[in-house]
Amino acid sequence: GALLADDSDVEQLGVVCSRRPDLTRAQILLLWGLQHGAAVIPKATSDRHLQDNIAAADYRLSADEMAILDDIGKLPERRYCWNAANVA
C-alpha cells in the first residue's frame, strides 16, 4: 500500500522531516502515533530499524509539528498503515 494518500500529504510530512533531520520519517510517524496515545506496533526488518524504533521514544514532536501531521488526510474515515521497509 501507499505510504500516504496524495502529494499534499507527502508535502506535509516533508515539512516536518525538514525541521527534524535528527529523526527518520519512520520515527516521526511513530512519535506522532505515540504522542496521540495510540498503541503503535512497528515492524522492524533489521536490527538497525529495531534500534531506530526504540530510539524514537527519546524524542518529542513539538505542538506545531504535531499540528502539521494532524492535518494530513482530513477526509472522514481515513486510516493509514505504512510498511516500515519502505520508510527510510
PDB file of N, CA and C in Angstrom:
ATOM      1  N   GLY A   1       0.810  -1.184   0.000  1.00  0.00           N
ATOM      2  CA  GLY A   1       0.000   0.000   0.000  1.00  0.00           C
ATOM      3  C   GLY A   1       0.851   1.245   0.000  1.00  0.00           C
ATOM      4  N   ALA A   2       0.226   2.322  -0.306  1.00  0.00           N
ATOM      5  CA  ALA A   2       0.910   3.614  -0.356  1.00  0.00           C
ATOM      6  C   ALA A   2       1.179   4.114   1.054  1.00  0.00           C
ATOM      7  N   LEU A   3       2.254   4.843   1.196  1.00  0.00           N
ATOM      8  CA  LEU A   3       2.564   5.433   2.492  1.00  0.00           C
ATOM      9  C   LEU A   3       1.550   6.496   2.866  1.00  0.00           C
ATOM     10  N   LEU A   4       1.271   7.375   1.939  1.00  0.00           N
ATOM     11  CA  LEU A   4       0.355   8.479   2.186  1.00  0.00           C
ATOM     12  C   LEU A   4      -0.552   8.612   0.978  1.00  0.00           C
ATOM     13  N   ALA A   5      -1.660   9.289   1.139  1.00  0.00           N
ATOM     14  CA  ALA A   5      -2.701   9.285   0.121  1.00  0.00           C
ATOM     15  C   ALA A   5      -2.382  10.104  -1.120  1.00  0.00           C
ATOM     16  N   ASP A   6      -1.809  11.271  -0.973  1.00  0.00           N
ATOM     17  CA  ASP A   6      -1.565  12.099  -2.153  1.00  0.00           C
ATOM     18  C   ASP A   6      -0.374  13.017  -1.928  1.00  0.00           C
ATOM     19  N   ASP A   7      -0.056  13.808  -2.965  1.00  0.00           N
ATOM     20  CA  ASP A   7       1.122  14.672  -2.910  1.00  0.00           C
ATOM     21  C   ASP A   7       1.084  15.674  -1.767  1.00  0.00           C
ATOM     22  N   SER A   8      -0.107  16.204  -1.440  1.00  0.00           N
ATOM     23  CA  SER A   8      -0.177  17.183  -0.349  1.00  0.00           C
ATOM     24  C   SER A   8       0.169  16.519   0.984  1.00  0.00           C
ATOM     25  N   ASP A   9      -0.206  15.252   1.159  1.00  0.00           N
ATOM     26  CA  ASP A   9       0.160  14.522   2.373  1.00  0.00           C
ATOM     27  C   ASP A   9       1.672  14.368   2.461  1.00  0.00           C
ATOM     28  N   VAL A  10       2.290  14.019   1.355  1.00  0.00           N
ATOM     29  CA  VAL A  10       3.746  13.845   1.310  1.00  0.00           C
ATOM     30  C   VAL A  10       4.435  15.173   1.601  1.00  0.00           C
ATOM     31  N   GLU A  11       3.914  16.265   1.062  1.00  0.00           N
ATOM     32  CA  GLU A  11       4.496  17.586   1.318  1.00  0.00           C
ATOM     33  C   GLU A  11       4.416  17.938   2.796  1.00  0.00           C
ATOM     34  N   GLN A  12       3.290  17.649   3.444  1.00  0.00           N
ATOM     35  CA  GLN A  12       3.151  17.956   4.868  1.00  0.00           C
ATOM     36  C   GLN A  12       4.131  17.147   5.699  1.00  0.00           C
ATOM     37  N   LEU A  13       4.288  15.868   5.374  1.00  0.00           N
ATOM     38  CA  LEU A  13       5.274  15.057   6.085  1.00  0.00           C
ATOM     39  C   LEU A  13       6.670  15.601   5.819  1.00  0.00           C
ATOM     40  N   GLY A  14       6.935  16.037   4.591  1.00  0.00           N
ATOM     41  CA  GLY A  14       8.235  16.602   4.237  1.00  0.00           C
ATOM     42  C   GLY A  14       8.573  17.849   5.031  1.00  0.00           C
ATOM     43  N   VAL A  15       7.563  18.661   5.350  1.00  0.00           N
ATOM     44  CA  VAL A  15       7.785  19.870   6.155  1.00  0.00           C
ATOM     45  C   VAL A  15       8.334  19.481   7.523  1.00  0.00           C
ATOM     46  N   VAL A  16       7.720  18.509   8.152  1.00  0.00           N
ATOM     47  CA  VAL A  16       8.179  18.074   9.477  1.00  0.00           C
ATOM     48  C   VAL A  16       9.556  17.426   9.369  1.00  0.00           C
ATOM     49  N   CYS A  17       9.763  16.596   8.341  1.00  0.00           N
ATOM     50  CA  CYS A  17      11.064  15.943   8.165  1.00  0.00           C
ATOM     51  C   CYS A  17      12.182  16.959   7.982  1.00  0.00           C
ATOM     52  N   SER A  18      11.908  18.033   7.258  1.00  0.00           N
ATOM     53  CA  SER A  18      12.941  19.045   7.037  1.00  0.00           C
ATOM     54  C   SER A  18      13.279  19.785   8.325  1.00  0.00           C
ATOM     55  N   ARG A  19      12.339  19.869   9.241  1.00  0.00           N
ATOM     56  CA  ARG A  19      12.583  20.528  10.532  1.00  0.00           C
ATOM     57  C   ARG A  19      13.304  19.608  11.514  1.00  0.00           C
ATOM     58  N   ARG A  20      13.228  18.294  11.259  1.00  0.00           N
ATOM     59  CA  ARG A  20      13.781  17.317  12.196  1.00  0.00           C
ATOM     60  C   ARG A  20      14.758  16.367  11.511  1.00  0.00           C
ATOM     61  N   PRO A  21      15.919  16.875  11.077  1.00  0.00           N
ATOM     62  CA  PRO A  21      16.891  15.987  10.424  1.00  0.00           C
ATOM     63  C   PRO A  21      17.464  14.936  11.370  1.00  0.00           C
ATOM     64  N   ASP A  22      17.213  15.103  12.670  1.00  0.00           N
ATOM     65  CA  ASP A  22      17.688  14.143  13.665  1.00  0.00           C
ATOM     66  C   ASP A  22      16.819  12.890  13.724  1.00  0.00           C
ATOM     67  N   LEU A  23      15.684  12.896  13.036  1.00  0.00           N
ATOM     68  CA  LEU A  23      14.752  11.765  13.061  1.00  0.00           C
ATOM     69  C   LEU A  23      14.491  11.235  11.656  1.00  0.00           C
ATOM     70  N   THR A  24      14.260   9.930  11.558  1.00  0.00           N
ATOM     71  CA  THR A  24      13.858   9.351  10.280  1.00  0.00           C
ATOM     72  C   THR A  24      12.359   9.584  10.092  1.00  0.00           C
ATOM     73  N   ARG A  25      11.885   9.397   8.854  1.00  0.00           N
ATOM     74  CA  ARG A  25      10.443   9.517   8.616  1.00  0.00           C
ATOM     75  C   ARG A  25       9.678   8.516   9.463  1.00  0.00           C
ATOM     76  N   ALA A  26      10.207   7.307   9.578  1.00  0.00           N
ATOM     77  CA  ALA A  26       9.538   6.281  10.388  1.00  0.00           C
ATOM     78  C   ALA A  26       9.442   6.731  11.844  1.00  0.00           C
ATOM     79  N   GLN A  27      10.511   7.310  12.392  1.00  0.00           N
ATOM     80  CA  GLN A  27      10.487   7.778  13.776  1.00  0.00           C
ATOM     81  C   GLN A  27       9.460   8.894  13.955  1.00  0.00           C
ATOM     82  N   ILE A  28       9.371   9.788  12.989  1.00  0.00           N
ATOM     83  CA  ILE A  28       8.392  10.879  13.071  1.00  0.00           C
ATOM     84  C   ILE A  28       6.973  10.311  13.115  1.00  0.00           C
ATOM     85  N   LEU A  29       6.694   9.345  12.252  1.00  0.00           N
ATOM     86  CA  LEU A  29       5.356   8.746  12.235  1.00  0.00           C
ATOM     87  C   LEU A  29       5.083   7.959  13.515  1.00  0.00           C
ATOM     88  N   LEU A  30       6.090   7.274  14.039  1.00  0.00           N
ATOM     89  CA  LEU A  30       5.930   6.567  15.315  1.00  0.00           C
ATOM     90  C   LEU A  30       5.620   7.554  16.439  1.00  0.00           C
ATOM     91  N   LEU A  31       6.385   8.641  16.507  1.00  0.00           N
ATOM     92  CA  LEU A  31       6.167   9.641  17.543  1.00  0.00           C
ATOM     93  C   LEU A  31       4.780  10.254  17.453  1.00  0.00           C
ATOM     94  N   TRP A  32       4.336  10.536  16.230  1.00  0.00           N
ATOM     95  CA  TRP A  32       3.003  11.112  16.047  1.00  0.00           C
ATOM     96  C   TRP A  32       1.951  10.197  16.669  1.00  0.00           C
ATOM     97  N   GLY A  33       2.042   8.912  16.391  1.00  0.00           N
ATOM     98  CA  GLY A  33       1.091   7.967  16.970  1.00  0.00           C
ATOM     99  C   GLY A  33       1.218   7.867  18.481  1.00  0.00           C
ATOM    100  N   LEU A  34       2.442   7.758  18.967  1.00  0.00           N
ATOM    101  CA  LEU A  34       2.670   7.637  20.410  1.00  0.00           C
ATOM    102  C   LEU A  34       2.188   8.867  21.164  1.00  0.00           C
ATOM    103  N   GLN A  35       2.455  10.059  20.610  1.00  0.00           N
ATOM    104  CA  GLN A  35       2.056  11.290  21.287  1.00  0.00           C
ATOM    105  C   GLN A  35       0.544  11.492  21.265  1.00  0.00           C
ATOM    106  N   HIS A  36      -0.137  10.749  20.422  1.00  0.00           N
ATOM    107  CA  HIS A  36      -1.605  10.758  20.436  1.00  0.00           C
ATOM    108  C   HIS A  36      -2.158   9.647  21.325  1.00  0.00           C
ATOM    109  N   GLY A  37      -1.265   8.914  21.993  1.00  0.00           N
ATOM    110  CA  GLY A  37      -1.689   7.858  22.901  1.00  0.00           C
ATOM    111  C   GLY A  37      -2.100   6.572  22.209  1.00  0.00           C
ATOM    112  N   ALA A  38      -1.726   6.423  20.946  1.00  0.00           N
ATOM    113  CA  ALA A  38      -2.070   5.208  20.207  1.00  0.00           C
ATOM    114  C   ALA A  38      -1.126   4.075  20.586  1.00  0.00           C
ATOM    115  N   ALA A  39      -1.629   2.876  20.525  1.00  0.00           N
ATOM    116  CA  ALA A  39      -0.788   1.694  20.694  1.00  0.00           C
ATOM    117  C   ALA A  39      -0.132   1.429  19.346  1.00  0.00           C
ATOM    118  N   VAL A  40       1.143   1.750  19.244  1.00  0.00           N
ATOM    119  CA  VAL A  40       1.867   1.641  17.988  1.00  0.00           C
ATOM    120  C   VAL A  40       2.707   0.369  18.026  1.00  0.00           C
ATOM    121  N   ILE A  41       2.535  -0.471  17.017  1.00  0.00           N
ATOM    122  CA  ILE A  41       3.302  -1.714  16.920  1.00  0.00           C
ATOM    123  C   ILE A  41       4.094  -1.673  15.613  1.00  0.00           C
ATOM    124  N   PRO A  42       5.317  -1.134  15.674  1.00  0.00           N
ATOM    125  CA  PRO A  42       6.102  -1.021  14.443  1.00  0.00           C
ATOM    126  C   PRO A  42       6.729  -2.354  14.048  1.00  0.00           C
ATOM    127  N   LYS A  43       6.930  -2.506  12.768  1.00  0.00           N
ATOM    128  CA  LYS A  43       7.627  -3.673  12.242  1.00  0.00           C
ATOM    129  C   LYS A  43       9.076  -3.277  12.025  1.00  0.00           C
ATOM    130  N   ALA A  44       9.992  -4.121  12.436  1.00  0.00           N
ATOM    131  CA  ALA A  44      11.414  -3.868  12.219  1.00  0.00           C
ATOM    132  C   ALA A  44      11.969  -4.978  11.335  1.00  0.00           C
ATOM    133  N   THR A  45      12.495  -4.596  10.179  1.00  0.00           N
ATOM    134  CA  THR A  45      13.032  -5.581   9.244  1.00  0.00           C
ATOM    135  C   THR A  45      14.528  -5.824   9.439  1.00  0.00           C
ATOM    136  N   SER A  46      15.128  -5.086  10.360  1.00  0.00           N
ATOM    137  CA  SER A  46      16.558  -5.259  10.645  1.00  0.00           C
ATOM    138  C   SER A  46      16.834  -4.785  12.063  1.00  0.00           C
ATOM    139  N   ASP A  47      18.010  -5.139  12.557  1.00  0.00           N
ATOM    140  CA  ASP A  47      18.409  -4.667  13.889  1.00  0.00           C
ATOM    141  C   ASP A  47      18.478  -3.140  13.932  1.00  0.00           C
ATOM    142  N   ARG A  48      18.940  -2.531  12.829  1.00  0.00           N
ATOM    143  CA  ARG A  48      19.018  -1.061  12.775  1.00  0.00           C
ATOM    144  C   ARG A  48      17.637  -0.432  12.895  1.00  0.00           C
ATOM    145  N   HIS A  49      16.658  -0.991  12.178  1.00  0.00           N
ATOM    146  CA  HIS A  49      15.296  -0.458  12.278  1.00  0.00           C
ATOM    147  C   HIS A  49      14.738  -0.638  13.683  1.00  0.00           C
ATOM    148  N   LEU A  50      15.029  -1.766  14.306  1.00  0.00           N
ATOM    149  CA  LEU A  50      14.577  -2.001  15.680  1.00  0.00           C
ATOM    150  C   LEU A  50      15.170  -0.951  16.614  1.00  0.00           C
ATOM    151  N   GLN A  51      16.465  -0.672  16.483  1.00  0.00           N
ATOM    152  CA  GLN A  51      17.117   0.334  17.317  1.00  0.00           C
ATOM    153  C   GLN A  51      16.544   1.727  17.048  1.00  0.00           C
ATOM    154  N   ASP A  52      16.266   2.035  15.775  1.00  0.00           N
ATOM    155  CA  ASP A  52      15.645   3.324  15.435  1.00  0.00           C
ATOM    156  C   ASP A  52      14.272   3.451  16.088  1.00  0.00           C
ATOM    157  N   ASN A  53      13.490   2.375  16.060  1.00  0.00           N
ATOM    158  CA  ASN A  53      12.157   2.399  16.673  1.00  0.00           C
ATOM    159  C   ASN A  53      12.254   2.655  18.172  1.00  0.00           C
ATOM    160  N   ILE A  54      13.184   1.989  18.817  1.00  0.00           N
ATOM    161  CA  ILE A  54      13.367   2.159  20.266  1.00  0.00           C
ATOM    162  C   ILE A  54      13.852   3.578  20.581  1.00  0.00           C
ATOM    163  N   ALA A  55      14.781   4.075  19.771  1.00  0.00           N
ATOM    164  CA  ALA A  55      15.348   5.412  19.994  1.00  0.00           C
ATOM    165  C   ALA A  55      14.304   6.515  19.830  1.00  0.00           C
ATOM    166  N   ALA A  56      13.273   6.277  19.056  1.00  0.00           N
ATOM    167  CA  ALA A  56      12.238   7.297  18.840  1.00  0.00           C
ATOM    168  C   ALA A  56      11.608   7.736  20.160  1.00  0.00           C
ATOM    169  N   ALA A  57      11.551   6.841  21.125  1.00  0.00           N
ATOM    170  CA  ALA A  57      10.930   7.155  22.423  1.00  0.00           C
ATOM    171  C   ALA A  57      11.687   8.244  23.179  1.00  0.00           C
ATOM    172  N   ASP A  58      12.912   8.533  22.770  1.00  0.00           N
ATOM    173  CA  ASP A  58      13.716   9.567  23.440  1.00  0.00           C
ATOM    174  C   ASP A  58      13.426  10.972  22.914  1.00  0.00           C
ATOM    175  N   TYR A  59      12.535  11.096  21.949  1.00  0.00           N
ATOM    176  CA  TYR A  59      12.257  12.382  21.306  1.00  0.00           C
ATOM    177  C   TYR A  59      10.795  12.777  21.495  1.00  0.00           C
ATOM    178  N   ARG A  60      10.503  14.039  21.223  1.00  0.00           N
ATOM    179  CA  ARG A  60       9.128  14.552  21.215  1.00  0.00           C
ATOM    180  C   ARG A  60       8.986  15.460  20.003  1.00  0.00           C
ATOM    181  N   LEU A  61       7.816  15.420  19.389  1.00  0.00           N
ATOM    182  CA  LEU A  61       7.493  16.376  18.344  1.00  0.00           C
ATOM    183  C   LEU A  61       6.860  17.589  19.004  1.00  0.00           C
ATOM    184  N   SER A  62       7.132  18.756  18.455  1.00  0.00           N
ATOM    185  CA  SER A  62       6.543  19.983  19.004  1.00  0.00           C
ATOM    186  C   SER A  62       5.049  20.023  18.679  1.00  0.00           C
ATOM    187  N   ALA A  63       4.341  20.909  19.356  1.00  0.00           N
ATOM    188  CA  ALA A  63       2.905  21.079  19.085  1.00  0.00           C
ATOM    189  C   ALA A  63       2.679  21.492  17.633  1.00  0.00           C
ATOM    190  N   ASP A  64       3.562  22.343  17.098  1.00  0.00           N
ATOM    191  CA  ASP A  64       3.452  22.778  15.705  1.00  0.00           C
ATOM    192  C   ASP A  64       3.652  21.606  14.750  1.00  0.00           C
ATOM    193  N   GLU A  65       4.655  20.771  15.022  1.00  0.00           N
ATOM    194  CA  GLU A  65       4.908  19.603  14.182  1.00  0.00           C
ATOM    195  C   GLU A  65       3.734  18.625  14.247  1.00  0.00           C
ATOM    196  N   MET A  66       3.191  18.434  15.437  1.00  0.00           N
ATOM    197  CA  MET A  66       2.021  17.549  15.583  1.00  0.00           C
ATOM    198  C   MET A  66       0.832  18.091  14.797  1.00  0.00           C
ATOM    199  N   ALA A  67       0.633  19.412  14.838  1.00  0.00           N
ATOM    200  CA  ALA A  67      -0.492  20.018  14.124  1.00  0.00           C
ATOM    201  C   ALA A  67      -0.350  19.830  12.609  1.00  0.00           C
ATOM    202  N   ILE A  68       0.873  19.946  12.112  1.00  0.00           N
ATOM    203  CA  ILE A  68       1.108  19.734  10.682  1.00  0.00           C
ATOM    204  C   ILE A  68       0.733  18.307  10.301  1.00  0.00           C
ATOM    205  N   LEU A  69       1.184  17.360  11.104  1.00  0.00           N
ATOM    206  CA  LEU A  69       0.872  15.960  10.818  1.00  0.00           C
ATOM    207  C   LEU A  69      -0.613  15.661  11.020  1.00  0.00           C
ATOM    208  N   ASP A  70      -1.229  16.312  11.985  1.00  0.00           N
ATOM    209  CA  ASP A  70      -2.656  16.110  12.224  1.00  0.00           C
ATOM    210  C   ASP A  70      -3.495  16.531  11.023  1.00  0.00           C
ATOM    211  N   ASP A  71      -3.000  17.485  10.259  1.00  0.00           N
ATOM    212  CA  ASP A  71      -3.741  17.968   9.094  1.00  0.00           C
ATOM    213  C   ASP A  71      -3.693  17.009   7.906  1.00  0.00           C
ATOM    214  N   ILE A  72      -2.812  16.014   7.969  1.00  0.00           N
ATOM    215  CA  ILE A  72      -2.734  15.048   6.869  1.00  0.00           C
ATOM    216  C   ILE A  72      -4.016  14.227   6.830  1.00  0.00           C
ATOM    217  N   GLY A  73      -4.566  14.140   5.646  1.00  0.00           N
ATOM    218  CA  GLY A  73      -5.712  13.263   5.430  1.00  0.00           C
ATOM    219  C   GLY A  73      -6.936  13.629   6.224  1.00  0.00           C
ATOM    220  N   LYS A  74      -7.427  14.824   6.089  1.00  0.00           N
ATOM    221  CA  LYS A  74      -8.595  15.273   6.840  1.00  0.00           C
ATOM    222  C   LYS A  74      -9.907  14.668   6.333  1.00  0.00           C
ATOM    223  N   LEU A  75      -9.842  13.749   5.384  1.00  0.00           N
ATOM    224  CA  LEU A  75     -11.062  13.103   4.910  1.00  0.00           C
ATOM    225  C   LEU A  75     -11.614  12.177   5.998  1.00  0.00           C
ATOM    226  N   PRO A  76     -12.926  12.067   6.113  1.00  0.00           N
ATOM    227  CA  PRO A  76     -13.505  11.194   7.145  1.00  0.00           C
ATOM    228  C   PRO A  76     -13.168   9.722   6.896  1.00  0.00           C
ATOM    229  N   GLU A  77     -13.043   8.988   7.976  1.00  0.00           N
ATOM    230  CA  GLU A  77     -12.792   7.548   7.934  1.00  0.00           C
ATOM    231  C   GLU A  77     -11.535   7.158   7.176  1.00  0.00           C
ATOM    232  N   ARG A  78     -10.532   7.983   7.232  1.00  0.00           N
ATOM    233  CA  ARG A  78      -9.281   7.690   6.549  1.00  0.00           C
ATOM    234  C   ARG A  78      -8.321   7.065   7.549  1.00  0.00           C
ATOM    235  N   ARG A  79      -7.697   5.988   7.169  1.00  0.00           N
ATOM    236  CA  ARG A  79      -6.749   5.294   8.043  1.00  0.00           C
ATOM    237  C   ARG A  79      -5.425   5.152   7.303  1.00  0.00           C
ATOM    238  N   TYR A  80      -4.329   5.103   8.052  1.00  0.00           N
ATOM    239  CA  TYR A  80      -3.018   4.949   7.446  1.00  0.00           C
ATOM    240  C   TYR A  80      -2.308   3.753   8.035  1.00  0.00           C
ATOM    241  N   CYS A  81      -1.598   3.076   7.180  1.00  0.00           N
ATOM    242  CA  CYS A  81      -0.725   1.982   7.586  1.00  0.00           C
ATOM    243  C   CYS A  81       0.475   2.031   6.651  1.00  0.00           C
ATOM    244  N   TRP A  82       1.651   1.970   7.178  1.00  0.00           N
ATOM    245  CA  TRP A  82       2.826   2.016   6.315  1.00  0.00           C
ATOM    246  C   TRP A  82       3.691   0.810   6.547  1.00  0.00           C
ATOM    247  N   ASN A  83       4.405   0.452   5.504  1.00  0.00           N
ATOM    248  CA  ASN A  83       5.360  -0.646   5.546  1.00  0.00           C
ATOM    249  C   ASN A  83       6.701  -0.035   5.893  1.00  0.00           C
ATOM    250  N   ALA A  84       7.233  -0.365   7.051  1.00  0.00           N
ATOM    251  CA  ALA A  84       8.485   0.231   7.508  1.00  0.00           C
ATOM    252  C   ALA A  84       9.652  -0.070   6.579  1.00  0.00           C
ATOM    253  N   ALA A  85       9.553  -1.113   5.790  1.00  0.00           N
ATOM    254  CA  ALA A  85      10.626  -1.429   4.848  1.00  0.00           C
ATOM    255  C   ALA A  85      10.732  -0.360   3.776  1.00  0.00           C
ATOM    256  N   ASN A  86       9.655   0.408   3.554  1.00  0.00           N
ATOM    257  CA  ASN A  86       9.661   1.444   2.532  1.00  0.00           C
ATOM    258  C   ASN A  86       9.897   2.834   3.096  1.00  0.00           C
ATOM    259  N   VAL A  87      10.155   2.942   4.388  1.00  0.00           N
ATOM    260  CA  VAL A  87      10.363   4.245   5.018  1.00  0.00           C
ATOM    261  C   VAL A  87      11.818   4.314   5.470  1.00  0.00           C
ATOM    262  N   ALA A  88      12.554   5.244   4.889  1.00  0.00           N
ATOM    263  CA  ALA A  88      13.980   5.365   5.211  1.00  0.00           C
ATOM    264  C   ALA A  88      14.190   6.145   6.486  1.00  0.00           C
TER     265      ALA A  88
END
